[in-house]
C-alpha atoms as a PDB file:
ATOM      1  CA  UNK A   1      -2.391   2.865  -2.101  1.00  0.00           C
ATOM      2  CA  UNK A   2      -2.951  -0.719  -3.172  1.00  0.00           C
ATOM      3  CA  UNK A   3       0.155  -2.623  -4.148  1.00  0.00           C
ATOM      4  CA  UNK A   4       0.094  -4.618  -7.364  1.00  0.00           C
ATOM      5  CA  UNK A   5       1.353  -8.202  -7.279  1.00  0.00           C
ATOM      6  CA  UNK A   6       4.512  -8.462  -9.409  1.00  0.00           C
ATOM      7  CA  UNK A   7       4.511 -10.807 -12.400  1.00  0.00           C
ATOM      8  CA  UNK A   8       7.049 -13.217 -10.859  1.00  0.00           C
ATOM      9  CA  UNK A   9       4.835 -13.657  -7.782  1.00  0.00           C
ATOM     10  CA  UNK A  10       1.739 -14.136  -9.941  1.00  0.00           C
ATOM     11  CA  UNK A  11       3.616 -16.857 -11.849  1.00  0.00           C
ATOM     12  CA  UNK A  12       4.645 -18.566  -8.606  1.00  0.00           C
ATOM     13  CA  UNK A  13       1.068 -18.520  -7.319  1.00  0.00           C
ATOM     14  CA  UNK A  14      -0.153 -19.888 -10.658  1.00  0.00           C
ATOM     15  CA  UNK A  15       2.329 -22.753 -10.322  1.00  0.00           C
ATOM     16  CA  UNK A  16       0.898 -23.480  -6.868  1.00  0.00           C
ATOM     17  CA  UNK A  17      -2.634 -23.798  -8.211  1.00  0.00           C
ATOM     18  CA  UNK A  18      -2.761 -24.655 -11.869  1.00  0.00           C
ATOM     19  CA  UNK A  19       0.077 -27.088 -12.614  1.00  0.00           C
ATOM     20  CA  UNK A  20      -0.517 -30.815 -13.090  1.00  0.00           C
ATOM     21  CA  UNK A  21       3.117 -31.771 -12.419  1.00  0.00           C
ATOM     22  CA  UNK A  22       3.355 -32.637  -8.708  1.00  0.00           C
ATOM     23  CA  UNK A  23       7.098 -31.912  -8.479  1.00  0.00           C
ATOM     24  CA  UNK A  24       6.706 -28.387  -9.869  1.00  0.00           C
ATOM     25  CA  UNK A  25       3.578 -27.688  -7.830  1.00  0.00           C
ATOM     26  CA  UNK A  26       5.076 -28.896  -4.544  1.00  0.00           C
ATOM     27  CA  UNK A  27       8.272 -26.905  -5.169  1.00  0.00           C
ATOM     28  CA  UNK A  28       6.213 -23.772  -5.912  1.00  0.00           C
ATOM     29  CA  UNK A  29       4.140 -24.251  -2.758  1.00  0.00           C
ATOM     30  CA  UNK A  30       7.289 -24.748  -0.674  1.00  0.00           C
ATOM     31  CA  UNK A  31       8.843 -21.611  -2.151  1.00  0.00           C
ATOM     32  CA  UNK A  32       5.705 -19.559  -1.502  1.00  0.00           C
ATOM     33  CA  UNK A  33       5.543 -20.766   2.103  1.00  0.00           C
ATOM     34  CA  UNK A  34       9.241 -19.940   2.557  1.00  0.00           C
ATOM     35  CA  UNK A  35       8.607 -16.413   1.255  1.00  0.00           C
ATOM     36  CA  UNK A  36       5.640 -16.017   3.599  1.00  0.00           C
ATOM     37  CA  UNK A  37       7.620 -17.263   6.610  1.00  0.00           C
ATOM     38  CA  UNK A  38      10.546 -14.990   5.762  1.00  0.00           C
ATOM     39  CA  UNK A  39       8.241 -11.988   5.440  1.00  0.00           C
ATOM     40  CA  UNK A  40       6.603 -12.767   8.780  1.00  0.00           C
ATOM     41  CA  UNK A  41       9.948 -13.267  10.547  1.00  0.00           C
ATOM     42  CA  UNK A  42      11.518  -9.943   9.589  1.00  0.00           C
ATOM     43  CA  UNK A  43      11.742  -7.627  12.569  1.00  0.00           C
ATOM     44  CA  UNK A  44      12.473  -3.919  12.325  1.00  0.00           C
ATOM     45  CA  UNK A  45      16.184  -3.077  12.422  1.00  0.00           C
ATOM     46  CA  UNK A  46      17.413  -1.584  15.665  1.00  0.00           C
ATOM     47  CA  UNK A  47      15.366  -3.689  18.054  1.00  0.00           C
ATOM     48  CA  UNK A  48      17.054  -5.325  20.997  1.00  0.00           C
ATOM     49  CA  UNK A  49      20.468  -4.664  22.429  1.00  0.00           C
ATOM     50  CA  UNK A  50      23.808  -5.022  20.709  1.00  0.00           C
ATOM     51  CA  UNK A  51      26.616  -7.055  22.122  1.00  0.00           C
ATOM     52  CA  UNK A  52      30.184  -7.468  20.942  1.00  0.00           C
ATOM     53  CA  UNK A  53      29.527 -11.075  19.974  1.00  0.00           C
ATOM     54  CA  UNK A  54      26.583 -10.422  17.676  1.00  0.00           C
ATOM     55  CA  UNK A  55      26.304  -8.857  14.262  1.00  0.00           C
ATOM     56  CA  UNK A  56      23.142  -7.294  12.906  1.00  0.00           C
ATOM     57  CA  UNK A  57      21.878  -8.836   9.691  1.00  0.00           C
ATOM     58  CA  UNK A  58      19.241  -7.086   7.635  1.00  0.00           C
ATOM     59  CA  UNK A  59      16.913  -9.403   5.744  1.00  0.00           C
ATOM     60  CA  UNK A  60      14.773  -7.790   3.085  1.00  0.00           C
ATOM     61  CA  UNK A  61      11.831 -10.009   2.148  1.00  0.00           C
ATOM     62  CA  UNK A  62      10.938 -10.509  -1.513  1.00  0.00           C
ATOM     63  CA  UNK A  63       7.278  -9.701  -0.837  1.00  0.00           C
ATOM     64  CA  UNK A  64       5.910  -6.780   1.128  1.00  0.00           C
ATOM     65  CA  UNK A  65       3.516  -6.959   4.055  1.00  0.00           C
ATOM     66  CA  UNK A  66       0.759  -5.634   1.764  1.00  0.00           C
ATOM     67  CA  UNK A  67       1.304  -8.455  -0.747  1.00  0.00           C
ATOM     68  CA  UNK A  68       1.406 -10.963   2.100  1.00  0.00           C
ATOM     69  CA  UNK A  69      -2.008  -9.729   3.230  1.00  0.00           C
ATOM     70  CA  UNK A  70      -3.360 -10.244  -0.296  1.00  0.00           C
ATOM     71  CA  UNK A  71      -2.033 -13.818  -0.342  1.00  0.00           C
ATOM     72  CA  UNK A  72      -3.383 -14.601   3.127  1.00  0.00           C
ATOM     73  CA  UNK A  73      -6.871 -13.395   2.154  1.00  0.00           C
ATOM     74  CA  UNK A  74      -6.947 -15.352  -1.110  1.00  0.00           C
ATOM     75  CA  UNK A  75      -7.951 -18.929  -1.850  1.00  0.00           C
ATOM     76  CA  UNK A  76      -4.271 -19.907  -2.120  1.00  0.00           C
ATOM     77  CA  UNK A  77      -3.788 -19.853   1.626  1.00  0.00           C
ATOM     78  CA  UNK A  78      -6.919 -21.881   2.428  1.00  0.00           C
ATOM     79  CA  UNK A  79      -6.554 -25.544   3.399  1.00  0.00           C
ATOM     80  CA  UNK A  80      -8.922 -27.816   1.550  1.00  0.00           C
ATOM     81  CA  UNK A  81      -9.897 -31.189   2.961  1.00  0.00           C
ATOM     82  CA  UNK A  82     -11.056 -33.766   0.446  1.00  0.00           C
END
């Protein structure tokens, strides 16, 4: 089943590509990269050993692995050299 990109993520991607205001575009790009890094850093819960000094924290990324794959395969994620 193919996952559909939510409207908020489409808007963020649009701000990365099609905005003439550098401040807005750079903020959108930074936010998208943060979302990508967060999605890539999430490990399944229950891995590793527990100790008394540590507390498990569950981080739920805003974008799924399927949406991340769509972004990585798109033109957004390509570096262009001028």
